[in-house]
Amino acid sequence: MQPQTSGSSHIPDTPVRRFTRPLAQFLAVESAGGIVLLVCTAVALAAANSPIGPAYEHFWHTPVWLEVDGFRLGGELGHFVVNDVLMTIFFFVVGLEIKREMAAGELRDPRKAALPVAAALGGMLVPAGIYLALRGGSPAARGWGVPMATDIAFVVGVMALLGRRVPFGLKITLLSLAIADDIGAVVVIAAFYSGGLAWGMLGLAALGFGVTYGLNRAGVRAVPVYVVVGAGIWLAVYKSGVHPTVAGVLLGLLTPASAWVGDKTLTDVLRDALVRAPGDGDERFDALRSVGYVAREGLSPLSRLEHALHPWVGFVIMPLFALVNAGVALRPGAVLDPVALAVVAGLVVGKPVGVVAFAWLAVRAGVAQLPAGVNWLMMGGGGALAGIGFTMSLFVAGLAFDDPAHLTAAKVGILAGSTASAVLGAVVLMIAGRAKA
């Protein structure tokens, strides 16, 4: 072996680096995306509460459609294009993140998964229970799912601002909690916030998922093929009465998490290319083409798609979603609306209480343990941060409420509750950090 020169930048790829490198990339995108999301939220609020407010709202209600030989598909710009189409890509990436965590992350080991899963369960049930306790029996009772969600981008952004005050173990726990929370949100959307079901269309969607699985097993790697099949599945689910974003999650879960080309093959092809590459003939062409193939297939489809789509979701889709859905015309005392208060109570009180209580029960029962360097005060701060619902809460609110007044009140509650949760979580974690020091 040739000695490594001092100018070499090569760093051995250890198992720890293989885990932490994608995690660091994920955190970087989420953190920056959270800042962009915050800016777009501020822009939407400013526009909605300015003289251009009516024009701003009218723009997102612009009708758009695609018509082919008498078949017409479309709706309003904001609702159809952003909430139904683009958010399906967002949920597809959510499905990829869930699959990654189940295949190689914290959710792979039942012992490690027990804490975030229990905390996520408490962080969903307690807020929903508080909301129903306040608004159950009223026409707004259908909004019980609104305070159940956690917005991972904003949570990561706050953790980035706090820096070393947030132990690495708590970061991993909160990320895993958010992933588990996403699973719960998808189940809630599919089970409780979908319309009347068209079973024929559901059958076509199931057939499409079967075709996707068969293509995976057959080793088909042509992305355009999956795009065509995926579009057919989306259309079938859209017409079935189930919200089409559920199709995105399921397609993400079907994405293979292992590479088609193993490490040994990759090494052999690279070594062969070094021997055959000199010159400029057919052998060099064939060798470099082989290198290109194994370099591409040396990454799992899940990893390739997540790396390709994650920036688009973080910097385009979610900001657009905020521009469409966060533009609320605020009125004096809007946060005192009963629906808004119920949402705020669910996020600010229900989330930390549910997260800490269920995590404590899991630890007490011996099925989980706190991560190294994390105490219960830190878990309380993390639970408060989990009350930043925003993106998913706004999405669920749009599905839950047909009454514009209830929807507006819910959005006000989401914005107020998420802001209060961010401040509360940051303060508790700073106090916990000082106490530990």
Protein backbone atom coordinates (compact mmCIF):
# COMPACT_ATOMS: atom_id res chain seq x y z
CA MET A 1 0.00 0.00 0.00
CA GLN A 2 1.27 3.45 -0.91
CA PRO A 3 1.69 5.78 2.04
CA GLN A 4 -0.86 8.60 2.22
CA THR A 5 0.65 11.97 1.42
CA SER A 6 0.16 14.90 3.72
CA GLY A 7 -1.89 16.70 1.09
CA SER A 8 -4.41 13.88 0.74
CA SER A 9 -7.93 14.62 1.86
CA HIS A 10 -8.91 10.97 2.08
CA ILE A 11 -10.66 10.03 5.32
CA PRO A 12 -11.34 6.33 6.04
CA ASP A 13 -15.03 5.52 5.70
CA THR A 14 -15.85 3.96 9.04
CA PRO A 15 -19.30 2.58 9.99
CA VAL A 16 -19.79 5.61 12.26
CA ARG A 17 -19.09 8.01 9.37
CA ARG A 18 -21.42 6.08 7.10
CA PHE A 19 -24.21 6.81 9.59
CA THR A 20 -23.33 10.34 10.64
CA ARG A 21 -22.52 11.72 7.16
CA PRO A 22 -26.05 11.35 5.72
CA LEU A 23 -27.45 12.50 9.06
CA ALA A 24 -25.31 15.66 8.92
CA GLN A 25 -26.43 16.31 5.33
CA PHE A 26 -30.05 15.78 6.34
CA LEU A 27 -29.72 18.20 9.26
CA ALA A 28 -28.03 20.82 7.08
CA VAL A 29 -30.83 20.78 4.49
CA GLU A 30 -33.56 20.74 7.14
CA SER A 31 -31.95 23.60 9.07
CA ALA A 32 -31.54 25.83 6.01
CA GLY A 33 -34.97 24.79 4.74
CA GLY A 34 -36.47 25.82 8.08
CA ILE A 35 -35.06 29.33 7.62
CA VAL A 36 -36.53 29.59 4.10
CA LEU A 37 -39.83 28.24 5.44
CA LEU A 38 -39.85 30.89 8.17
CA VAL A 39 -39.19 33.68 5.63
CA CYS A 40 -42.00 32.46 3.35
CA THR A 41 -44.37 32.25 6.32
CA ALA A 42 -43.57 35.86 7.19
CA VAL A 43 -44.10 36.89 3.55
CA ALA A 44 -47.47 35.11 3.42
CA LEU A 45 -48.63 36.73 6.66
CA ALA A 46 -47.46 40.18 5.55
CA ALA A 47 -49.18 39.84 2.16
CA ALA A 48 -52.46 38.58 3.68
CA ASN A 49 -52.56 41.48 6.12
CA SER A 50 -51.65 44.19 3.61
CA PRO A 51 -53.69 46.04 0.95
CA ILE A 52 -52.76 43.33 -1.56
CA GLY A 53 -54.36 40.65 0.66
CA PRO A 54 -57.45 40.02 -1.54
CA ALA A 55 -55.32 39.86 -4.70
CA TYR A 56 -52.84 37.53 -2.96
CA GLU A 57 -55.62 35.14 -1.96
CA HIS A 58 -57.26 35.36 -5.39
CA PHE A 59 -53.99 34.41 -7.07
CA TRP A 60 -53.80 31.07 -5.24
CA HIS A 61 -57.43 30.37 -6.21
CA THR A 62 -56.58 30.67 -9.93
CA PRO A 63 -58.06 27.64 -11.75
CA VAL A 64 -55.59 25.39 -13.56
CA TRP A 65 -56.24 22.15 -15.38
CA LEU A 66 -54.90 19.62 -17.82
CA GLU A 67 -57.23 18.31 -20.51
CA VAL A 68 -56.50 15.40 -22.84
CA ASP A 69 -59.15 14.13 -25.26
CA GLY A 70 -62.04 15.12 -23.02
CA PHE A 71 -60.39 13.97 -19.78
CA ARG A 72 -59.91 16.94 -17.48
CA LEU A 73 -57.86 17.08 -14.30
CA GLY A 74 -57.21 20.15 -12.21
CA GLY A 75 -58.42 22.59 -9.62
CA GLU A 76 -57.17 25.72 -7.91
CA LEU A 77 -53.49 26.66 -8.15
CA GLY A 78 -52.89 26.54 -4.39
CA HIS A 79 -55.09 23.60 -3.45
CA PHE A 80 -54.53 21.29 -6.43
CA VAL A 81 -51.03 22.08 -7.68
CA VAL A 82 -49.39 22.71 -4.30
CA ASN A 83 -51.44 20.79 -1.72
CA ASP A 84 -52.37 17.78 -3.87
CA VAL A 85 -49.56 17.41 -6.41
CA LEU A 86 -46.39 18.96 -4.98
CA MET A 87 -47.13 17.83 -1.44
CA THR A 88 -47.28 14.26 -2.76
CA ILE A 89 -43.56 14.65 -3.50
CA PHE A 90 -43.09 15.95 0.05
CA PHE A 91 -44.85 12.87 1.41
CA PHE A 92 -42.82 10.65 -0.92
CA VAL A 93 -39.66 12.00 0.72
CA VAL A 94 -41.32 11.41 4.11
CA GLY A 95 -41.80 7.79 3.03
CA LEU A 96 -38.13 7.60 2.04
CA GLU A 97 -37.10 8.98 5.45
CA ILE A 98 -39.31 6.46 7.24
CA LYS A 99 -37.86 3.61 5.16
CA ARG A 100 -34.30 4.83 5.86
CA GLU A 101 -34.92 4.97 9.59
CA MET A 102 -36.45 1.50 9.54
CA ALA A 103 -33.65 0.05 7.42
CA ALA A 104 -30.57 1.67 8.97
CA GLY A 105 -31.62 4.24 11.57
CA GLU A 106 -32.94 4.41 15.11
CA LEU A 107 -36.21 2.69 14.19
CA ARG A 108 -34.35 -0.44 13.09
CA ASP A 109 -33.45 -1.52 16.62
CA PRO A 110 -36.62 -2.11 18.70
CA ARG A 111 -34.75 -1.20 21.89
CA LYS A 112 -33.61 2.15 20.46
CA ALA A 113 -36.91 2.76 18.70
CA ALA A 114 -38.98 2.24 21.85
CA LEU A 115 -38.26 5.68 23.31
CA PRO A 116 -39.03 7.88 20.25
CA VAL A 117 -42.00 5.72 19.26
CA ALA A 118 -43.50 5.90 22.77
CA ALA A 119 -42.80 9.64 22.93
CA ALA A 120 -44.37 10.18 19.50
CA LEU A 121 -47.45 8.18 20.53
CA GLY A 122 -47.89 10.33 23.63
CA GLY A 123 -47.22 13.44 21.57
CA MET A 124 -50.14 12.51 19.32
CA LEU A 125 -52.71 11.13 21.76
CA VAL A 126 -52.47 13.77 24.50
CA PRO A 127 -52.80 16.83 22.17
CA ALA A 128 -55.73 15.18 20.38
CA GLY A 129 -57.33 14.42 23.74
CA ILE A 130 -56.89 18.02 24.95
CA TYR A 131 -58.40 19.36 21.73
CA LEU A 132 -61.41 17.04 22.03
CA ALA A 133 -61.82 17.94 25.69
CA LEU A 134 -62.14 21.58 24.64
CA ARG A 135 -64.01 21.28 21.33
CA GLY A 136 -65.55 17.80 21.38
CA GLY A 137 -69.23 17.79 20.54
CA SER A 138 -68.96 21.03 18.55
CA PRO A 139 -68.83 21.38 14.74
CA ALA A 140 -65.09 21.98 15.10
CA ALA A 141 -64.45 18.59 16.78
CA ARG A 142 -63.15 17.25 13.47
CA GLY A 143 -59.96 19.25 13.99
CA TRP A 144 -58.62 16.91 16.69
CA GLY A 145 -55.82 15.80 14.37
CA VAL A 146 -54.44 19.31 13.89
CA PRO A 147 -52.26 19.54 17.06
CA MET A 148 -50.87 16.02 16.66
CA ALA A 149 -48.13 16.89 14.16
CA THR A 150 -44.45 17.87 14.48
CA ASP A 151 -42.67 19.97 11.85
CA ILE A 152 -39.20 18.47 11.52
CA ALA A 153 -37.74 21.41 9.54
CA PHE A 154 -38.54 24.01 12.20
CA VAL A 155 -37.48 21.66 15.02
CA VAL A 156 -34.11 21.10 13.35
CA GLY A 157 -33.78 24.85 12.78
CA VAL A 158 -34.29 25.62 16.47
CA MET A 159 -31.86 22.87 17.46
CA ALA A 160 -29.28 24.33 15.07
CA LEU A 161 -29.65 27.74 16.73
CA LEU A 162 -29.15 26.17 20.15
CA GLY A 163 -26.00 24.38 18.98
CA ARG A 164 -24.26 22.29 21.63
CA ARG A 165 -26.97 22.99 24.19
CA VAL A 166 -28.87 20.12 22.51
CA PRO A 167 -27.10 16.78 23.15
CA PHE A 168 -26.60 14.56 20.11
CA GLY A 169 -28.72 11.85 21.72
CA LEU A 170 -31.66 14.25 22.05
CA LYS A 171 -31.29 15.33 18.41
CA ILE A 172 -31.49 11.71 17.27
CA THR A 173 -34.47 11.07 19.55
CA LEU A 174 -36.36 14.13 18.26
CA LEU A 175 -35.65 13.25 14.64
CA SER A 176 -36.84 9.68 15.19
CA LEU A 177 -39.87 11.02 17.10
CA ALA A 178 -40.72 13.26 14.14
CA ILE A 179 -40.44 10.31 11.75
CA ALA A 180 -42.70 8.19 13.96
CA ASP A 181 -45.04 11.18 14.21
CA ASP A 182 -45.15 11.34 10.40
CA ILE A 183 -46.23 7.69 10.31
CA GLY A 184 -49.06 8.50 12.70
CA ALA A 185 -50.06 11.55 10.66
CA VAL A 186 -50.27 9.50 7.47
CA VAL A 187 -52.46 6.90 9.21
CA VAL A 188 -54.73 9.66 10.54
CA ILE A 189 -55.01 11.31 7.11
CA ALA A 190 -55.80 8.01 5.38
CA ALA A 191 -58.25 6.78 8.02
CA PHE A 192 -60.05 9.93 9.14
CA TYR A 193 -59.54 12.69 6.60
CA SER A 194 -60.40 10.97 3.35
CA GLY A 195 -63.76 11.11 1.55
CA GLY A 196 -66.10 8.41 0.34
CA LEU A 197 -64.07 5.56 -1.12
CA ALA A 198 -64.21 4.41 -4.76
CA TRP A 199 -63.14 0.80 -4.38
CA GLY A 200 -62.51 0.31 -8.10
CA MET A 201 -59.92 3.09 -8.08
CA LEU A 202 -58.38 1.69 -4.89
CA GLY A 203 -58.08 -1.63 -6.70
CA LEU A 204 -56.26 0.06 -9.58
CA ALA A 205 -53.95 1.78 -7.10
CA ALA A 206 -53.23 -1.56 -5.40
CA LEU A 207 -52.43 -3.04 -8.82
CA GLY A 208 -50.04 -0.15 -9.45
CA PHE A 209 -48.27 -0.78 -6.16
CA GLY A 210 -47.98 -4.44 -7.12
CA VAL A 211 -46.45 -3.47 -10.46
CA THR A 212 -43.98 -1.19 -8.64
CA TYR A 213 -42.97 -4.01 -6.32
CA GLY A 214 -42.57 -6.38 -9.27
CA LEU A 215 -40.39 -3.89 -11.14
CA ASN A 216 -38.20 -3.53 -8.04
CA ARG A 217 -37.83 -7.29 -7.71
CA ALA A 218 -37.02 -7.61 -11.42
CA GLY A 219 -34.18 -5.10 -11.04
CA VAL A 220 -35.69 -2.39 -13.24
CA ARG A 221 -33.76 0.82 -12.52
CA ALA A 222 -35.12 3.18 -15.19
CA VAL A 223 -36.55 6.14 -13.26
CA PRO A 224 -38.95 7.21 -16.09
CA VAL A 225 -40.71 3.82 -15.79
CA TYR A 226 -41.39 4.42 -12.10
CA VAL A 227 -42.49 7.99 -12.78
CA VAL A 228 -45.13 6.74 -15.24
CA VAL A 229 -46.35 4.00 -12.88
CA GLY A 230 -46.27 6.39 -9.92
CA ALA A 231 -48.32 8.97 -11.82
CA GLY A 232 -50.93 6.30 -12.55
CA ILE A 233 -51.02 5.32 -8.87
CA TRP A 234 -51.37 8.97 -7.82
CA LEU A 235 -54.29 9.46 -10.21
CA ALA A 236 -56.04 6.31 -8.99
CA VAL A 237 -55.63 7.28 -5.33
CA TYR A 238 -56.74 10.85 -6.12
CA LYS A 239 -59.92 9.54 -7.72
CA SER A 240 -60.49 6.94 -4.96
CA GLY A 241 -61.34 9.42 -2.21
CA VAL A 242 -58.12 8.81 -0.24
CA HIS A 243 -55.90 11.86 -0.15
CA PRO A 244 -53.25 11.42 -2.90
CA THR A 245 -50.35 12.25 -0.57
CA VAL A 246 -50.84 8.79 0.97
CA ALA A 247 -49.71 7.36 -2.38
CA GLY A 248 -46.47 9.31 -2.04
CA VAL A 249 -45.71 7.78 1.36
CA LEU A 250 -46.43 4.23 0.20
CA LEU A 251 -44.26 4.65 -2.91
CA GLY A 252 -41.45 5.92 -0.66
CA LEU A 253 -41.80 2.83 1.54
CA LEU A 254 -41.56 0.60 -1.56
CA THR A 255 -38.27 2.18 -2.66
CA PRO A 256 -35.35 -0.29 -2.28
CA ALA A 257 -32.98 0.59 0.56
CA SER A 258 -30.08 -1.56 -0.67
CA ALA A 259 -27.70 -0.89 -3.55
CA TRP A 260 -27.90 -2.96 -6.73
CA VAL A 261 -24.09 -3.11 -6.95
CA GLY A 262 -22.18 -4.31 -3.88
CA ASP A 263 -18.87 -3.01 -2.55
CA LYS A 264 -16.86 -5.90 -4.01
CA THR A 265 -18.21 -5.37 -7.53
CA LEU A 266 -17.61 -1.64 -7.22
CA THR A 267 -13.99 -2.23 -6.17
CA ASP A 268 -13.41 -4.75 -8.97
CA VAL A 269 -14.80 -2.45 -11.67
CA LEU A 270 -12.77 0.53 -10.45
CA ARG A 271 -9.59 -1.58 -10.34
CA ASP A 272 -10.30 -2.90 -13.84
CA ALA A 273 -10.89 0.63 -15.12
CA LEU A 274 -7.47 1.77 -13.86
CA VAL A 275 -5.90 -0.98 -15.97
CA ARG A 276 -8.00 -0.49 -19.11
CA ALA A 277 -8.55 3.28 -19.04
CA PRO A 278 -5.25 4.53 -20.57
CA GLY A 279 -5.59 5.64 -24.17
CA ASP A 280 -8.66 6.88 -25.95
CA GLY A 281 -10.13 3.78 -27.58
CA ASP A 282 -13.08 1.44 -27.13
CA GLU A 283 -11.59 -0.18 -24.03
CA ARG A 284 -11.38 3.19 -22.26
CA PHE A 285 -14.96 3.97 -23.28
CA ASP A 286 -16.26 0.62 -22.02
CA ALA A 287 -14.28 0.91 -18.78
CA LEU A 288 -15.50 4.38 -17.96
CA ARG A 289 -19.07 3.49 -18.86
CA SER A 290 -18.84 0.59 -16.42
CA VAL A 291 -17.50 2.95 -13.77
CA GLY A 292 -20.44 5.29 -14.35
CA TYR A 293 -22.90 2.42 -14.00
CA VAL A 294 -21.45 1.00 -10.77
CA ALA A 295 -21.02 4.48 -9.33
CA ARG A 296 -24.73 5.12 -9.87
CA GLU A 297 -25.91 1.68 -8.78
CA GLY A 298 -23.46 1.56 -5.87
CA LEU A 299 -25.98 3.79 -4.06
CA SER A 300 -29.39 2.50 -3.10
CA PRO A 301 -32.37 3.96 -5.00
CA LEU A 302 -33.59 5.29 -1.64
CA SER A 303 -30.36 7.20 -1.05
CA ARG A 304 -30.21 8.58 -4.60
CA LEU A 305 -33.81 9.77 -4.55
CA GLU A 306 -33.59 11.25 -1.07
CA HIS A 307 -30.45 13.22 -1.94
CA ALA A 308 -31.98 14.40 -5.23
CA LEU A 309 -35.41 15.38 -3.88
CA HIS A 310 -34.66 16.59 -0.37
CA PRO A 311 -33.35 20.03 -1.46
CA TRP A 312 -36.35 20.51 -3.78
CA VAL A 313 -38.71 19.70 -0.92
CA GLY A 314 -36.85 21.90 1.57
CA PHE A 315 -36.28 24.91 -0.66
CA VAL A 316 -39.18 24.83 -3.14
CA ILE A 317 -42.17 22.69 -2.14
CA MET A 318 -42.41 23.51 1.57
CA PRO A 319 -41.86 27.26 1.02
CA LEU A 320 -44.59 27.21 -1.64
CA PHE A 321 -46.84 25.37 0.80
CA ALA A 322 -46.20 28.10 3.39
CA LEU A 323 -46.96 30.84 0.86
CA VAL A 324 -50.28 29.15 0.04
CA ASN A 325 -51.42 28.12 3.51
CA ALA A 326 -49.85 30.50 6.04
CA GLY A 327 -51.39 33.67 4.64
CA VAL A 328 -53.98 34.35 7.36
CA ALA A 329 -55.73 37.69 7.71
CA LEU A 330 -55.30 38.34 11.42
CA ARG A 331 -57.96 40.18 13.41
CA PRO A 332 -57.78 41.48 16.99
CA GLY A 333 -58.30 38.68 19.46
CA ALA A 334 -58.11 35.97 16.76
CA VAL A 335 -56.06 33.73 19.02
CA LEU A 336 -58.92 33.77 21.57
CA ASP A 337 -61.22 31.91 19.18
CA PRO A 338 -62.17 28.57 20.82
CA VAL A 339 -60.69 26.56 17.94
CA ALA A 340 -57.44 28.53 18.05
CA LEU A 341 -57.21 28.09 21.83
CA ALA A 342 -57.79 24.35 21.53
CA VAL A 343 -55.01 24.05 18.96
CA VAL A 344 -52.64 26.16 21.06
CA ALA A 345 -53.40 24.07 24.16
CA GLY A 346 -52.79 20.86 22.22
CA LEU A 347 -49.44 22.02 20.85
CA VAL A 348 -48.04 23.97 23.81
CA VAL A 349 -49.34 21.78 26.66
CA GLY A 350 -50.30 18.48 25.09
CA LYS A 351 -47.09 17.85 23.18
CA PRO A 352 -44.53 18.15 26.00
CA VAL A 353 -46.83 16.42 28.51
CA GLY A 354 -47.54 13.55 26.12
CA VAL A 355 -43.92 13.17 25.00
CA VAL A 356 -42.46 13.17 28.52
CA ALA A 357 -45.22 11.06 30.10
CA PHE A 358 -45.12 8.27 27.52
CA ALA A 359 -41.31 8.32 27.38
CA TRP A 360 -41.22 8.04 31.20
CA LEU A 361 -43.63 5.10 31.09
CA ALA A 362 -41.47 3.35 28.46
CA VAL A 363 -38.33 3.85 30.57
CA ARG A 364 -40.17 2.83 33.74
CA ALA A 365 -41.41 -0.34 32.05
CA GLY A 366 -37.82 -1.21 31.08
CA VAL A 367 -38.46 -1.21 27.32
CA ALA A 368 -36.47 2.00 26.69
CA GLN A 369 -33.78 4.17 28.20
CA LEU A 370 -32.80 7.81 27.94
CA PRO A 371 -29.91 8.53 25.54
CA ALA A 372 -26.51 9.30 27.02
CA GLY A 373 -26.25 12.89 28.27
CA VAL A 374 -30.03 13.44 28.21
CA ASN A 375 -32.08 14.06 31.36
CA TRP A 376 -35.81 14.54 31.88
CA LEU A 377 -35.61 18.33 31.76
CA MET A 378 -34.01 18.05 28.32
CA MET A 379 -36.74 15.63 27.27
CA GLY A 380 -39.26 18.24 28.40
CA GLY A 381 -37.54 20.85 26.23
CA GLY A 382 -37.51 18.43 23.31
CA GLY A 383 -41.20 17.69 23.88
CA ALA A 384 -41.93 21.41 23.77
CA LEU A 385 -40.07 21.70 20.45
CA ALA A 386 -42.20 18.83 19.16
CA GLY A 387 -45.14 21.20 19.58
CA ILE A 388 -43.94 23.09 16.51
CA GLY A 389 -46.62 21.62 14.26
CA PHE A 390 -46.71 24.07 11.35
CA THR A 391 -46.44 22.26 7.96
CA MET A 392 -48.23 19.02 8.83
CA SER A 393 -50.68 20.80 11.15
CA LEU A 394 -51.61 23.28 8.42
CA PHE A 395 -52.00 20.38 6.00
CA VAL A 396 -54.31 18.45 8.35
CA ALA A 397 -56.30 21.63 9.11
CA GLY A 398 -56.96 22.06 5.39
CA LEU A 399 -58.36 18.52 5.28
CA ALA A 400 -60.31 18.77 8.54
CA PHE A 401 -62.22 22.03 8.09
CA ASP A 402 -64.64 23.02 5.34
CA ASP A 403 -65.81 26.07 7.31
CA PRO A 404 -63.47 28.98 6.40
CA ALA A 405 -63.89 30.49 9.88
CA HIS A 406 -62.77 27.29 11.59
CA LEU A 407 -59.89 26.88 9.15
CA THR A 408 -58.69 30.44 9.76
CA ALA A 409 -58.94 29.99 13.53
CA ALA A 410 -57.02 26.72 13.31
CA LYS A 411 -54.26 28.40 11.29
CA VAL A 412 -54.01 31.20 13.85
CA GLY A 413 -53.75 28.57 16.59
CA ILE A 414 -51.07 26.68 14.67
CA LEU A 415 -48.97 29.79 14.14
CA ALA A 416 -49.36 30.96 17.76
CA GLY A 417 -48.90 27.48 19.24
CA SER A 418 -45.86 26.67 17.10
CA THR A 419 -44.21 29.99 17.98
CA ALA A 420 -44.88 29.50 21.70
CA SER A 421 -43.59 25.91 21.52
CA ALA A 422 -40.36 27.03 19.84
CA VAL A 423 -39.74 29.69 22.49
CA LEU A 424 -40.65 27.38 25.38
CA GLY A 425 -38.52 24.53 24.06
CA ALA A 426 -35.52 26.79 23.48
CA VAL A 427 -35.77 28.31 26.97
CA VAL A 428 -36.08 24.92 28.70
CA LEU A 429 -33.14 23.48 26.76
CA MET A 430 -30.96 26.51 27.56
CA ILE A 431 -31.83 26.14 31.28
CA ALA A 432 -31.11 22.40 31.10
CA GLY A 433 -27.78 23.09 29.41
CA ARG A 434 -26.73 25.54 32.10
CA ALA A 435 -27.84 23.17 34.88
CA LYS A 436 -25.77 20.36 33.36
CA ALA A 437 -22.72 22.62 33.02
